[in-house]
């Protein structure tokens, strides 16, 4: 069976300005059916403005938004088969959980029997059946979050838009709800588009993600593609922890810094360069041509320890990981030499 090459949602050269500020600058993205897609970037990068344009709360200055091939850019929010779930949840406080779910379907004037059936199914799938007769002030933060999600899902939108949906939750509940959202998205068979500034959240939940900065799309791909092969230094620094070393590519094609020499898989001509390497791809070596680093701190993380250090010549800070049971080998102030996994290094 051939996969349908037509995306469910196509964002085509969409732009939006507020006065002199270009909030979204010619962004183009294809989002597939039943995909969990994350829009990720720092504050002010344009991700929320882009989400609001998808929902119909903002109108693009240029470009088109196509859903199943139809341009929905001119349509008002209520005429779009998309639902936006706000970070604040926006539940009706005087209504029970069931009444909150009923409301949108009643506005569509659906038959009472169909409303009850759809609400019962949605309550069951979100593990809320036991709370159907409670009001929002009788629920925990995680339960309110699930009610808001259920209220959006019960309308069976083609696309569900989520604006920082887990931002109000504490860390432990947030991590639990990340997996819960992913499960519900898979079971509902609905395309989810989530806006978040939390890189770890996006890595855990998304099938694919897009990184935005200053209204522009920098890179789109799977979490693995973006983590392992960031397209530029900003993306490399934004996603996960990355070490950067200033040095140069020598005549033999290796990266040289502070008297050390490191083979790299990426081919570049001689000249100044920056090497980027993740902490898990750096290791202590007995080789004489390793990079000298003085350990400045050791942080215990359970399964491993993160050693913080500085290079001898340039004082550039570095982080590298070792198994936790090897921690006793090292101490603050000790000098070690590092080698890097050549296949995992990036050169900018």
Protein backbone atom coordinates (compact mmCIF):
# COMPACT_ATOMS: atom_id res chain seq x y z
CA UNK A 1 0.00 0.00 0.00
CA UNK A 2 1.48 3.36 -1.06
CA UNK A 3 1.52 6.13 1.53
CA UNK A 4 -0.50 9.17 0.54
CA UNK A 5 2.07 11.88 -0.27
CA UNK A 6 -0.45 14.70 0.32
CA UNK A 7 -0.08 16.13 3.84
CA UNK A 8 -3.13 16.62 6.04
CA UNK A 9 -2.06 20.18 6.85
CA UNK A 10 0.14 22.34 4.65
CA UNK A 11 1.50 25.67 5.87
CA UNK A 12 2.62 27.47 2.72
CA UNK A 13 4.86 30.57 3.05
CA UNK A 14 2.79 31.94 5.94
CA UNK A 15 3.78 35.34 7.32
CA UNK A 16 2.41 37.62 10.04
CA UNK A 17 3.57 41.01 11.34
CA UNK A 18 2.50 43.11 14.30
CA UNK A 19 3.56 46.65 13.50
CA UNK A 20 7.26 46.47 12.64
CA UNK A 21 7.70 43.07 14.29
CA UNK A 22 7.75 40.11 11.90
CA UNK A 23 6.27 37.43 14.17
CA UNK A 24 6.15 34.70 11.48
CA UNK A 25 8.39 35.07 8.44
CA UNK A 26 7.52 32.88 5.45
CA UNK A 27 7.13 29.54 7.25
CA UNK A 28 6.34 26.43 5.19
CA UNK A 29 5.59 23.06 6.82
CA UNK A 30 3.81 19.84 5.90
CA UNK A 31 2.11 17.97 8.75
CA UNK A 32 0.87 14.43 8.20
CA UNK A 33 -2.30 12.68 9.22
CA UNK A 34 -2.22 11.12 12.74
CA UNK A 35 1.12 12.81 13.47
CA UNK A 36 2.23 14.29 16.78
CA UNK A 37 4.02 17.46 15.66
CA UNK A 38 5.80 19.95 17.94
CA UNK A 39 6.50 23.64 17.29
CA UNK A 40 9.53 24.45 19.39
CA UNK A 41 11.59 27.55 20.04
CA UNK A 42 12.47 30.28 22.53
CA UNK A 43 10.00 32.93 23.69
CA UNK A 44 9.11 35.29 20.85
CA UNK A 45 10.07 32.86 18.08
CA UNK A 46 6.57 32.92 16.52
CA UNK A 47 5.31 29.46 17.48
CA UNK A 48 2.19 30.65 19.34
CA UNK A 49 1.34 33.16 16.58
CA UNK A 50 1.61 30.34 14.04
CA UNK A 51 -0.68 28.14 16.17
CA UNK A 52 -3.23 30.97 16.48
CA UNK A 53 -3.23 31.36 12.69
CA UNK A 54 -3.93 27.63 12.35
CA UNK A 55 -6.83 28.01 14.80
CA UNK A 56 -8.21 31.08 13.00
CA UNK A 57 -7.62 33.59 15.81
CA UNK A 58 -5.05 35.45 13.68
CA UNK A 59 -5.15 36.05 9.93
CA UNK A 60 -1.96 35.57 7.87
CA UNK A 61 -0.62 38.64 6.05
CA UNK A 62 0.66 36.29 3.35
CA UNK A 63 0.64 32.60 2.50
CA UNK A 64 -1.96 29.85 2.78
CA UNK A 65 -3.05 27.21 5.28
CA UNK A 66 -4.35 24.11 3.51
CA UNK A 67 -6.28 21.33 5.28
CA UNK A 68 -6.78 18.23 3.13
CA UNK A 69 -5.98 20.43 0.14
CA UNK A 70 -8.55 23.14 0.94
CA UNK A 71 -7.46 26.66 1.86
CA UNK A 72 -8.89 27.35 5.32
CA UNK A 73 -7.10 30.71 5.77
CA UNK A 74 -10.31 32.78 5.28
CA UNK A 75 -12.44 30.63 7.61
CA UNK A 76 -13.42 31.75 11.12
CA UNK A 77 -12.37 29.51 14.06
CA UNK A 78 -15.78 27.86 14.51
CA UNK A 79 -15.85 26.82 10.84
CA UNK A 80 -12.50 25.01 10.98
CA UNK A 81 -12.29 21.28 11.85
CA UNK A 82 -9.51 22.14 14.31
CA UNK A 83 -9.72 22.57 18.07
CA UNK A 84 -7.39 24.65 20.25
CA UNK A 85 -6.72 23.61 23.82
CA UNK A 86 -5.46 26.52 25.91
CA UNK A 87 -2.82 26.29 28.64
CA UNK A 88 -5.32 27.75 31.14
CA UNK A 89 -7.77 24.87 30.29
CA UNK A 90 -10.69 27.44 30.28
CA UNK A 91 -13.15 25.02 31.88
CA UNK A 92 -16.61 26.26 32.85
CA UNK A 93 -16.39 26.31 36.68
CA UNK A 94 -20.17 26.03 37.25
CA UNK A 95 -20.48 22.91 35.08
CA UNK A 96 -19.63 19.31 35.87
CA UNK A 97 -17.06 17.42 33.83
CA UNK A 98 -19.83 15.82 31.76
CA UNK A 99 -21.51 19.19 31.17
CA UNK A 100 -18.20 20.69 30.06
CA UNK A 101 -17.92 17.94 27.44
CA UNK A 102 -21.59 18.20 26.46
CA UNK A 103 -21.43 21.93 25.79
CA UNK A 104 -19.63 21.98 22.43
CA UNK A 105 -21.75 19.15 21.04
CA UNK A 106 -24.96 20.85 22.20
CA UNK A 107 -23.88 24.00 20.34
CA UNK A 108 -23.67 21.82 17.21
CA UNK A 109 -27.26 20.69 17.92
CA UNK A 110 -26.39 17.00 17.81
CA UNK A 111 -29.02 14.47 18.95
CA UNK A 112 -28.99 13.83 22.70
CA UNK A 113 -28.30 10.10 22.26
CA UNK A 114 -25.23 10.81 20.10
CA UNK A 115 -23.97 13.40 22.58
CA UNK A 116 -24.25 10.95 25.47
CA UNK A 117 -22.54 8.18 23.50
CA UNK A 118 -19.62 10.36 22.40
CA UNK A 119 -19.17 11.88 25.85
CA UNK A 120 -19.22 8.46 27.53
CA UNK A 121 -16.61 7.14 25.07
CA UNK A 122 -14.36 10.15 25.59
CA UNK A 123 -14.68 10.02 29.39
CA UNK A 124 -13.67 6.35 29.30
CA UNK A 125 -10.69 6.87 26.99
CA UNK A 126 -9.33 9.71 29.17
CA UNK A 127 -9.97 7.81 32.45
CA UNK A 128 -12.47 10.42 33.62
CA UNK A 129 -15.66 8.35 33.99
CA UNK A 130 -15.37 8.36 37.79
CA UNK A 131 -15.17 12.18 37.79
CA UNK A 132 -18.06 12.88 35.39
CA UNK A 133 -20.24 14.55 38.05
CA UNK A 134 -17.50 16.62 39.69
CA UNK A 135 -16.89 20.31 39.03
CA UNK A 136 -13.46 21.70 38.13
CA UNK A 137 -12.71 22.97 41.65
CA UNK A 138 -13.01 19.37 42.89
CA UNK A 139 -10.28 18.15 40.53
CA UNK A 140 -6.48 18.05 40.68
CA UNK A 141 -4.32 19.87 38.15
CA UNK A 142 -3.74 16.69 36.16
CA UNK A 143 -7.46 15.85 36.14
CA UNK A 144 -8.34 19.37 34.91
CA UNK A 145 -5.79 18.96 32.15
CA UNK A 146 -7.43 15.70 31.07
CA UNK A 147 -10.90 17.31 31.13
CA UNK A 148 -9.69 20.11 28.86
CA UNK A 149 -8.19 17.52 26.53
CA UNK A 150 -11.36 15.40 26.60
CA UNK A 151 -13.51 18.43 25.81
CA UNK A 152 -11.39 19.06 22.73
CA UNK A 153 -11.32 15.39 21.67
CA UNK A 154 -15.08 14.85 22.01
CA UNK A 155 -15.68 17.13 19.02
CA UNK A 156 -13.53 14.78 16.91
CA UNK A 157 -11.46 17.47 15.18
CA UNK A 158 -9.14 16.56 12.33
CA UNK A 159 -6.36 18.45 14.13
CA UNK A 160 -5.97 19.25 17.82
CA UNK A 161 -3.85 22.31 18.63
CA UNK A 162 -2.24 22.47 22.07
CA UNK A 163 -0.62 25.65 23.40
CA UNK A 164 1.82 24.77 26.22
CA UNK A 165 -0.75 22.28 27.59
CA UNK A 166 1.48 21.02 30.42
CA UNK A 167 2.99 24.33 31.48
CA UNK A 168 0.95 24.63 34.69
CA UNK A 169 1.84 21.15 36.02
CA UNK A 170 4.65 20.20 38.39
CA UNK A 171 7.60 18.22 37.00
CA UNK A 172 6.47 14.73 38.06
CA UNK A 173 2.91 15.17 36.80
CA UNK A 174 4.17 16.86 33.66
CA UNK A 175 6.32 13.83 32.80
CA UNK A 176 3.37 11.49 33.41
CA UNK A 177 1.06 13.58 31.24
CA UNK A 178 3.59 13.66 28.39
CA UNK A 179 3.20 9.90 28.03
CA UNK A 180 -0.56 10.16 28.59
CA UNK A 181 -0.92 12.72 25.78
CA UNK A 182 1.07 10.51 23.45
CA UNK A 183 -1.12 7.51 24.30
CA UNK A 184 -4.35 9.46 23.79
CA UNK A 185 -3.15 10.86 20.48
CA UNK A 186 -2.34 7.37 19.24
CA UNK A 187 -5.69 5.95 20.39
CA UNK A 188 -7.75 8.87 19.07
CA UNK A 189 -6.03 8.80 15.68
CA UNK A 190 -6.02 12.61 15.55
CA UNK A 191 -3.20 14.87 14.42
CA UNK A 192 -1.78 16.78 17.40
CA UNK A 193 0.20 20.01 16.99
CA UNK A 194 1.77 21.15 20.24
CA UNK A 195 3.53 24.43 21.01
CA UNK A 196 6.20 24.18 23.68
CA UNK A 197 9.42 25.86 24.72
CA UNK A 198 10.44 22.66 26.57
CA UNK A 199 12.90 20.75 24.40
CA UNK A 200 12.72 17.59 26.51
CA UNK A 201 8.93 17.58 26.24
CA UNK A 202 9.14 17.80 22.45
CA UNK A 203 11.77 15.04 22.24
CA UNK A 204 9.60 12.70 24.34
CA UNK A 205 6.26 13.27 22.59
CA UNK A 206 6.78 14.38 19.00
CA UNK A 207 6.96 12.22 15.89
CA UNK A 208 8.48 15.27 14.20
CA UNK A 209 9.27 18.80 15.29
CA UNK A 210 10.06 22.21 13.86
CA UNK A 211 12.53 24.66 15.41
CA UNK A 212 11.68 28.35 15.01
CA UNK A 213 13.70 31.46 15.76
CA UNK A 214 12.74 35.10 15.12
CA UNK A 215 9.70 33.95 13.12
CA UNK A 216 11.72 31.77 10.75
CA UNK A 217 11.82 28.00 10.41
CA UNK A 218 15.36 26.75 11.06
CA UNK A 219 14.91 22.99 10.84
CA UNK A 220 12.20 20.32 10.78
CA UNK A 221 12.61 16.59 11.29
CA UNK A 222 12.30 13.73 13.73
CA UNK A 223 13.62 14.25 17.28
CA UNK A 224 16.52 11.92 16.45
CA UNK A 225 17.43 13.84 13.29
CA UNK A 226 17.42 17.19 15.05
CA UNK A 227 19.25 15.97 18.15
CA UNK A 228 21.92 14.01 16.26
CA UNK A 229 22.29 16.28 13.22
CA UNK A 230 21.35 19.88 14.11
CA UNK A 231 21.46 22.07 11.03
CA UNK A 232 23.17 25.07 12.61
CA UNK A 233 24.76 26.22 15.85
CA UNK A 234 21.54 27.71 17.25
CA UNK A 235 19.65 24.43 16.86
CA UNK A 236 22.61 22.50 18.29
CA UNK A 237 22.66 24.74 21.35
CA UNK A 238 18.88 24.82 21.78
CA UNK A 239 18.20 21.07 21.68
CA UNK A 240 19.83 19.24 24.57
CA UNK A 241 23.28 19.99 25.99
CA UNK A 242 26.06 20.66 23.51
CA UNK A 243 29.74 21.41 23.99
CA UNK A 244 31.32 23.92 21.60
CA UNK A 245 35.07 24.13 21.00
CA UNK A 246 36.81 26.85 18.99
CA UNK A 247 39.71 25.51 16.93
CA UNK A 248 40.62 24.81 13.33
CA UNK A 249 40.56 22.13 10.70
CA UNK A 250 44.16 21.20 9.90
CA UNK A 251 45.64 20.09 6.59
CA UNK A 252 44.78 16.47 7.34
CA UNK A 253 41.09 17.20 7.83
CA UNK A 254 41.14 16.73 11.63
CA UNK A 255 39.98 19.26 14.24
CA UNK A 256 42.82 20.75 16.26
CA UNK A 257 42.44 22.58 19.58
CA UNK A 258 44.84 23.26 22.48
CA UNK A 259 47.52 20.93 21.06
CA UNK A 260 45.07 18.05 20.61
CA UNK A 261 43.89 16.55 17.34
CA UNK A 262 40.51 14.91 16.70
CA UNK A 263 39.36 13.06 13.56
CA UNK A 264 35.92 14.16 12.35
CA UNK A 265 33.54 12.51 9.90
CA UNK A 266 32.36 15.81 8.38
CA UNK A 267 34.69 16.97 5.59
CA UNK A 268 35.78 20.62 5.64
CA UNK A 269 38.66 22.55 4.14
CA UNK A 270 41.43 23.92 6.39
CA UNK A 271 40.58 26.96 8.51
CA UNK A 272 38.95 28.12 11.73
CA UNK A 273 35.95 26.10 12.87
CA UNK A 274 33.75 25.21 15.82
CA UNK A 275 33.37 21.60 16.91
CA UNK A 276 30.08 20.63 18.57
CA UNK A 277 29.82 17.40 20.58
CA UNK A 278 27.25 16.05 23.05
CA UNK A 279 28.41 15.13 26.59
CA UNK A 280 27.62 11.45 25.96
CA UNK A 281 29.93 11.43 22.92
CA UNK A 282 33.02 12.62 24.84
CA UNK A 283 35.12 10.17 26.87
CA UNK A 284 38.28 10.10 28.93
CA UNK A 285 41.22 8.73 26.94
CA UNK A 286 44.78 7.61 27.63
CA UNK A 287 45.91 8.97 24.26
CA UNK A 288 48.58 11.66 24.42
CA UNK A 289 46.84 13.73 21.75
CA UNK A 290 43.59 13.95 23.73
CA UNK A 291 42.17 17.33 24.75
CA UNK A 292 43.47 18.38 28.22
CA UNK A 293 40.58 19.32 30.53
CA UNK A 294 40.68 20.27 34.22
CA UNK A 295 37.66 18.98 36.18
CA UNK A 296 35.83 21.83 37.93
CA UNK A 297 32.76 19.97 39.24
CA UNK A 298 31.23 16.48 39.40
CA UNK A 299 27.43 16.11 39.40
CA UNK A 300 25.76 12.82 40.35
CA UNK A 301 22.74 11.91 38.16
CA UNK A 302 21.94 8.39 39.34
CA UNK A 303 22.95 6.19 36.39
CA UNK A 304 25.84 8.45 35.48
CA UNK A 305 27.90 11.40 36.59
CA UNK A 306 28.42 14.59 34.61
CA UNK A 307 31.92 15.96 34.84
CA UNK A 308 32.24 19.69 34.25
CA UNK A 309 35.61 21.01 33.20
CA UNK A 310 37.56 23.66 31.35
CA UNK A 311 40.17 23.37 28.65
CA UNK A 312 43.67 24.30 29.70
CA UNK A 313 44.42 26.78 26.94
CA UNK A 314 41.14 28.58 26.25
CA UNK A 315 39.19 27.93 29.46
CA UNK A 316 36.20 26.80 27.39
CA UNK A 317 33.62 25.00 29.59
CA UNK A 318 32.82 21.37 28.78
CA UNK A 319 30.52 18.64 30.09
CA UNK A 320 31.03 14.92 29.63
CA UNK A 321 29.34 11.84 31.06
CA UNK A 322 30.84 8.80 32.80
CA UNK A 323 29.12 5.79 34.43
CA UNK A 324 28.23 6.55 38.06
CA UNK A 325 30.43 3.75 39.45
CA UNK A 326 33.51 5.32 37.83
CA UNK A 327 33.07 8.55 39.80
CA UNK A 328 35.65 7.60 42.42
CA UNK A 329 38.38 7.70 39.76
CA UNK A 330 38.07 11.46 39.36
CA UNK A 331 38.23 14.53 41.58
CA UNK A 332 37.84 18.30 41.24
CA UNK A 333 41.08 19.88 40.07
CA UNK A 334 42.28 16.75 38.29
CA UNK A 335 43.39 17.00 34.66
CA UNK A 336 42.14 14.38 32.20
CA UNK A 337 42.29 14.04 28.45
CA UNK A 338 39.21 13.74 26.27
CA UNK A 339 38.52 12.04 22.95
CA UNK A 340 35.36 12.47 20.89
CA UNK A 341 33.24 10.09 18.82
CA UNK A 342 34.18 11.22 15.32
CA UNK A 343 30.85 10.13 13.78
CA UNK A 344 28.87 12.21 16.29
CA UNK A 345 30.81 15.48 16.05
CA UNK A 346 29.41 18.41 14.10
CA UNK A 347 31.55 21.13 12.53
CA UNK A 348 30.23 24.70 12.13
